[in-house]
Amino acid sequence: MNKPWTEEQTKESVRRQIKALYIAIPIIVVLLIALFSAAGYILHHWFMYPPEYYIQIEQLIAKGYLSADFTFSERVDFCENIEQTLGDTYINVCLWLD
């Protein structure tokens, strides 16, 4: 029942395997690049602007420390002149100013 393959069958099998690899390898590479890019994008936004950042900005606007349409320089001025007691409270707002 198990017949040995002929040389022609072996060559045809190798051709099919190479053809499958020419299709599969680029697909795998594209999927890996997309996966790492998505993970990088998500992690970047999570660590650079965590949800606490937006909550603290809303609190600063509500308390009158910043205007609703504040600029980057206004935020820098606030962080430079912040009282030491507020420094720990609003660390996410002032952490990534560079």
N, C-alpha and C. Protein backbone atom coordinates (compact mmCIF):
# COMPACT_ATOMS: atom_id res chain seq x y z
N MET A 1 0.82 -1.18 0.00
CA MET A 1 0.00 0.00 0.00
C MET A 1 0.86 1.25 0.00
N ASN A 2 1.96 1.25 0.73
CA ASN A 2 2.86 2.39 0.72
C ASN A 2 3.84 2.23 -0.44
N LYS A 3 3.57 2.95 -1.48
CA LYS A 3 4.46 2.90 -2.64
C LYS A 3 5.47 4.03 -2.53
N PRO A 4 6.69 3.79 -2.84
CA PRO A 4 7.66 4.89 -2.84
C PRO A 4 7.32 5.88 -3.95
N TRP A 5 7.60 7.16 -3.67
CA TRP A 5 7.30 8.19 -4.65
C TRP A 5 8.32 8.13 -5.78
N THR A 6 7.82 8.49 -6.92
CA THR A 6 8.74 8.60 -8.05
C THR A 6 9.45 9.94 -7.96
N GLU A 7 10.48 10.09 -8.72
CA GLU A 7 11.24 11.35 -8.71
C GLU A 7 10.36 12.51 -9.17
N GLU A 8 9.51 12.25 -10.12
CA GLU A 8 8.60 13.30 -10.62
C GLU A 8 7.62 13.74 -9.53
N GLN A 9 7.07 12.80 -8.77
CA GLN A 9 6.16 13.14 -7.68
C GLN A 9 6.89 13.94 -6.60
N THR A 10 8.11 13.57 -6.30
CA THR A 10 8.89 14.29 -5.30
C THR A 10 9.14 15.72 -5.75
N LYS A 11 9.53 15.91 -7.02
CA LYS A 11 9.78 17.26 -7.54
C LYS A 11 8.51 18.11 -7.52
N GLU A 12 7.40 17.47 -7.87
CA GLU A 12 6.12 18.20 -7.85
C GLU A 12 5.74 18.60 -6.43
N SER A 13 5.97 17.72 -5.47
CA SER A 13 5.69 18.04 -4.07
C SER A 13 6.56 19.19 -3.58
N VAL A 14 7.83 19.18 -3.95
CA VAL A 14 8.74 20.26 -3.55
C VAL A 14 8.30 21.57 -4.18
N ARG A 15 7.89 21.55 -5.46
CA ARG A 15 7.41 22.77 -6.13
C ARG A 15 6.18 23.34 -5.40
N ARG A 16 5.27 22.48 -5.02
CA ARG A 16 4.07 22.94 -4.31
C ARG A 16 4.42 23.53 -2.94
N GLN A 17 5.34 22.89 -2.25
CA GLN A 17 5.75 23.40 -0.94
C GLN A 17 6.43 24.76 -1.06
N ILE A 18 7.28 24.92 -2.06
CA ILE A 18 7.95 26.22 -2.28
C ILE A 18 6.91 27.28 -2.64
N LYS A 19 5.95 26.93 -3.48
CA LYS A 19 4.90 27.87 -3.85
C LYS A 19 4.10 28.29 -2.61
N ALA A 20 3.80 27.33 -1.75
CA ALA A 20 3.06 27.63 -0.52
C ALA A 20 3.89 28.54 0.38
N LEU A 21 5.20 28.31 0.46
CA LEU A 21 6.05 29.17 1.28
C LEU A 21 6.13 30.59 0.71
N TYR A 22 6.17 30.73 -0.62
CA TYR A 22 6.18 32.07 -1.23
C TYR A 22 4.92 32.85 -0.89
N ILE A 23 3.84 32.15 -0.65
CA ILE A 23 2.59 32.81 -0.29
C ILE A 23 2.51 33.01 1.23
N ALA A 24 2.90 32.01 1.99
CA ALA A 24 2.71 32.05 3.45
C ALA A 24 3.68 32.99 4.15
N ILE A 25 4.93 33.02 3.74
CA ILE A 25 5.93 33.84 4.45
C ILE A 25 5.58 35.33 4.41
N PRO A 26 5.26 35.92 3.25
CA PRO A 26 4.89 37.35 3.28
C PRO A 26 3.64 37.64 4.11
N ILE A 27 2.68 36.71 4.09
CA ILE A 27 1.47 36.92 4.89
C ILE A 27 1.83 36.92 6.37
N ILE A 28 2.66 35.99 6.79
CA ILE A 28 3.08 35.92 8.19
C ILE A 28 3.85 37.17 8.59
N VAL A 29 4.73 37.65 7.72
CA VAL A 29 5.51 38.86 8.01
C VAL A 29 4.59 40.06 8.16
N VAL A 30 3.65 40.22 7.26
CA VAL A 30 2.71 41.35 7.33
C VAL A 30 1.87 41.27 8.60
N LEU A 31 1.41 40.09 8.96
CA LEU A 31 0.62 39.95 10.18
C LEU A 31 1.45 40.27 11.43
N LEU A 32 2.70 39.84 11.46
CA LEU A 32 3.55 40.14 12.61
C LEU A 32 3.83 41.64 12.71
N ILE A 33 4.10 42.28 11.58
CA ILE A 33 4.33 43.72 11.59
C ILE A 33 3.08 44.45 12.07
N ALA A 34 1.91 44.04 11.59
CA ALA A 34 0.66 44.67 12.02
C ALA A 34 0.43 44.45 13.51
N LEU A 35 0.71 43.26 14.00
CA LEU A 35 0.53 42.96 15.42
C LEU A 35 1.44 43.82 16.29
N PHE A 36 2.72 43.91 15.94
CA PHE A 36 3.64 44.71 16.73
C PHE A 36 3.34 46.20 16.62
N SER A 37 2.91 46.65 15.45
CA SER A 37 2.53 48.05 15.30
C SER A 37 1.32 48.40 16.15
N ALA A 38 0.33 47.54 16.14
CA ALA A 38 -0.87 47.78 16.95
C ALA A 38 -0.53 47.77 18.43
N ALA A 39 0.29 46.83 18.84
CA ALA A 39 0.69 46.78 20.25
C ALA A 39 1.48 48.02 20.64
N GLY A 40 2.38 48.45 19.77
CA GLY A 40 3.15 49.66 20.05
C GLY A 40 2.26 50.89 20.13
N TYR A 41 1.31 50.99 19.23
CA TYR A 41 0.38 52.13 19.22
C TYR A 41 -0.45 52.16 20.51
N ILE A 42 -0.97 51.01 20.90
CA ILE A 42 -1.79 50.94 22.10
C ILE A 42 -0.97 51.25 23.34
N LEU A 43 0.21 50.65 23.45
CA LEU A 43 1.04 50.89 24.63
C LEU A 43 1.52 52.33 24.69
N HIS A 44 1.84 52.91 23.54
CA HIS A 44 2.27 54.31 23.51
C HIS A 44 1.18 55.21 24.07
N HIS A 45 -0.03 55.03 23.60
CA HIS A 45 -1.11 55.89 24.08
C HIS A 45 -1.51 55.58 25.52
N TRP A 46 -1.35 54.35 25.94
CA TRP A 46 -1.70 54.01 27.31
C TRP A 46 -0.71 54.63 28.28
N PHE A 47 0.58 54.58 27.95
CA PHE A 47 1.58 55.09 28.89
C PHE A 47 1.82 56.59 28.74
N MET A 48 1.67 57.14 27.55
CA MET A 48 1.89 58.57 27.38
C MET A 48 0.69 59.38 27.87
N TYR A 49 -0.50 58.93 27.57
CA TYR A 49 -1.71 59.63 27.99
C TYR A 49 -2.68 58.63 28.61
N PRO A 50 -2.41 58.20 29.84
CA PRO A 50 -3.33 57.25 30.48
C PRO A 50 -4.66 57.94 30.79
N PRO A 51 -5.68 57.19 31.13
CA PRO A 51 -6.98 57.80 31.43
C PRO A 51 -6.91 58.84 32.54
N GLU A 52 -5.98 58.66 33.47
CA GLU A 52 -5.84 59.61 34.56
C GLU A 52 -5.43 61.00 34.06
N TYR A 53 -4.69 61.04 32.95
CA TYR A 53 -4.27 62.31 32.37
C TYR A 53 -5.49 63.16 32.02
N TYR A 54 -6.44 62.56 31.32
CA TYR A 54 -7.63 63.30 30.91
C TYR A 54 -8.50 63.69 32.11
N ILE A 55 -8.57 62.84 33.09
CA ILE A 55 -9.32 63.16 34.31
C ILE A 55 -8.69 64.36 35.02
N GLN A 56 -7.36 64.35 35.11
CA GLN A 56 -6.67 65.46 35.79
C GLN A 56 -6.79 66.76 35.00
N ILE A 57 -6.75 66.70 33.68
CA ILE A 57 -6.95 67.91 32.87
C ILE A 57 -8.35 68.47 33.12
N GLU A 58 -9.36 67.61 33.14
CA GLU A 58 -10.72 68.07 33.42
C GLU A 58 -10.83 68.71 34.80
N GLN A 59 -10.13 68.14 35.78
CA GLN A 59 -10.15 68.72 37.13
C GLN A 59 -9.49 70.10 37.13
N LEU A 60 -8.38 70.25 36.42
CA LEU A 60 -7.70 71.55 36.36
C LEU A 60 -8.56 72.60 35.68
N ILE A 61 -9.29 72.20 34.66
CA ILE A 61 -10.19 73.14 33.99
C ILE A 61 -11.35 73.50 34.92
N ALA A 62 -11.91 72.51 35.60
CA ALA A 62 -13.04 72.77 36.51
C ALA A 62 -12.63 73.67 37.67
N LYS A 63 -11.40 73.51 38.17
CA LYS A 63 -10.94 74.32 39.29
C LYS A 63 -10.41 75.68 38.86
N GLY A 64 -10.30 75.91 37.54
CA GLY A 64 -9.89 77.21 37.05
C GLY A 64 -8.39 77.39 36.88
N TYR A 65 -7.61 76.33 37.06
CA TYR A 65 -6.17 76.44 36.86
C TYR A 65 -5.81 76.57 35.39
N LEU A 66 -6.59 75.94 34.52
CA LEU A 66 -6.39 76.02 33.08
C LEU A 66 -7.70 76.42 32.43
N SER A 67 -7.60 77.10 31.28
CA SER A 67 -8.82 77.43 30.54
C SER A 67 -9.22 76.23 29.70
N ALA A 68 -10.44 76.24 29.21
CA ALA A 68 -10.94 75.11 28.43
C ALA A 68 -10.18 74.92 27.13
N ASP A 69 -9.66 76.00 26.58
CA ASP A 69 -8.88 75.92 25.34
C ASP A 69 -7.41 76.27 25.63
N PHE A 70 -6.84 75.61 26.62
CA PHE A 70 -5.47 75.92 27.04
C PHE A 70 -4.47 75.51 25.96
N THR A 71 -3.34 76.20 25.97
CA THR A 71 -2.26 75.89 25.03
C THR A 71 -1.17 75.12 25.77
N PHE A 72 -0.22 74.64 25.01
CA PHE A 72 0.89 73.89 25.60
C PHE A 72 1.70 74.79 26.53
N SER A 73 1.91 76.04 26.12
CA SER A 73 2.69 76.94 26.97
C SER A 73 1.97 77.25 28.28
N GLU A 74 0.64 77.33 28.26
CA GLU A 74 -0.11 77.53 29.51
C GLU A 74 0.04 76.32 30.43
N ARG A 75 0.05 75.15 29.85
CA ARG A 75 0.24 73.94 30.67
C ARG A 75 1.66 73.91 31.25
N VAL A 76 2.65 74.32 30.46
CA VAL A 76 4.04 74.37 30.94
C VAL A 76 4.15 75.37 32.08
N ASP A 77 3.53 76.55 31.92
CA ASP A 77 3.55 77.56 32.98
C ASP A 77 2.91 77.01 34.26
N PHE A 78 1.78 76.32 34.12
CA PHE A 78 1.14 75.74 35.29
C PHE A 78 2.06 74.75 35.98
N CYS A 79 2.70 73.89 35.20
CA CYS A 79 3.55 72.84 35.79
C CYS A 79 4.83 73.43 36.40
N GLU A 80 5.33 74.51 35.84
CA GLU A 80 6.53 75.13 36.40
C GLU A 80 6.22 75.86 37.70
N ASN A 81 5.03 76.42 37.80
CA ASN A 81 4.67 77.21 38.98
C ASN A 81 3.77 76.44 39.95
N ILE A 82 3.66 75.16 39.77
CA ILE A 82 2.74 74.38 40.59
C ILE A 82 3.25 74.32 42.03
N GLU A 83 2.34 74.35 42.94
CA GLU A 83 2.70 74.21 44.35
C GLU A 83 3.13 72.76 44.60
N GLN A 84 3.99 72.57 45.57
CA GLN A 84 4.47 71.21 45.87
C GLN A 84 3.34 70.28 46.30
N THR A 85 2.30 70.85 46.89
CA THR A 85 1.19 69.99 47.32
C THR A 85 0.40 69.48 46.12
N LEU A 86 0.34 70.26 45.04
CA LEU A 86 -0.40 69.82 43.85
C LEU A 86 0.46 68.97 42.92
N GLY A 87 1.77 68.99 43.11
CA GLY A 87 2.67 68.26 42.22
C GLY A 87 2.39 66.78 42.16
N ASP A 88 2.12 66.18 43.31
CA ASP A 88 1.83 64.75 43.33
C ASP A 88 0.43 64.46 42.81
N THR A 89 -0.47 65.37 43.00
CA THR A 89 -1.85 65.16 42.57
C THR A 89 -1.97 65.17 41.05
N TYR A 90 -1.22 66.06 40.38
CA TYR A 90 -1.32 66.23 38.93
C TYR A 90 -0.05 65.76 38.23
N ILE A 91 0.49 64.64 38.66
CA ILE A 91 1.74 64.16 38.09
C ILE A 91 1.57 63.72 36.63
N ASN A 92 0.42 63.19 36.26
CA ASN A 92 0.23 62.74 34.87
C ASN A 92 0.17 63.91 33.91
N VAL A 93 -0.27 65.06 34.34
CA VAL A 93 -0.35 66.22 33.48
C VAL A 93 1.03 66.80 33.24
N CYS A 94 1.87 66.81 34.25
CA CYS A 94 3.18 67.46 34.16
C CYS A 94 4.33 66.51 33.87
N LEU A 95 4.07 65.22 33.75
CA LEU A 95 5.14 64.25 33.63
C LEU A 95 5.85 64.30 32.28
N TRP A 96 5.13 64.37 31.18
CA TRP A 96 5.71 64.27 29.84
C TRP A 96 5.71 65.62 29.12
N LEU A 97 6.30 66.62 29.70
CA LEU A 97 6.31 67.93 29.06
C LEU A 97 7.41 68.08 28.02
N ASP A 98 8.44 67.26 28.08
CA ASP A 98 9.54 67.41 27.13
C ASP A 98 9.06 67.00 25.81
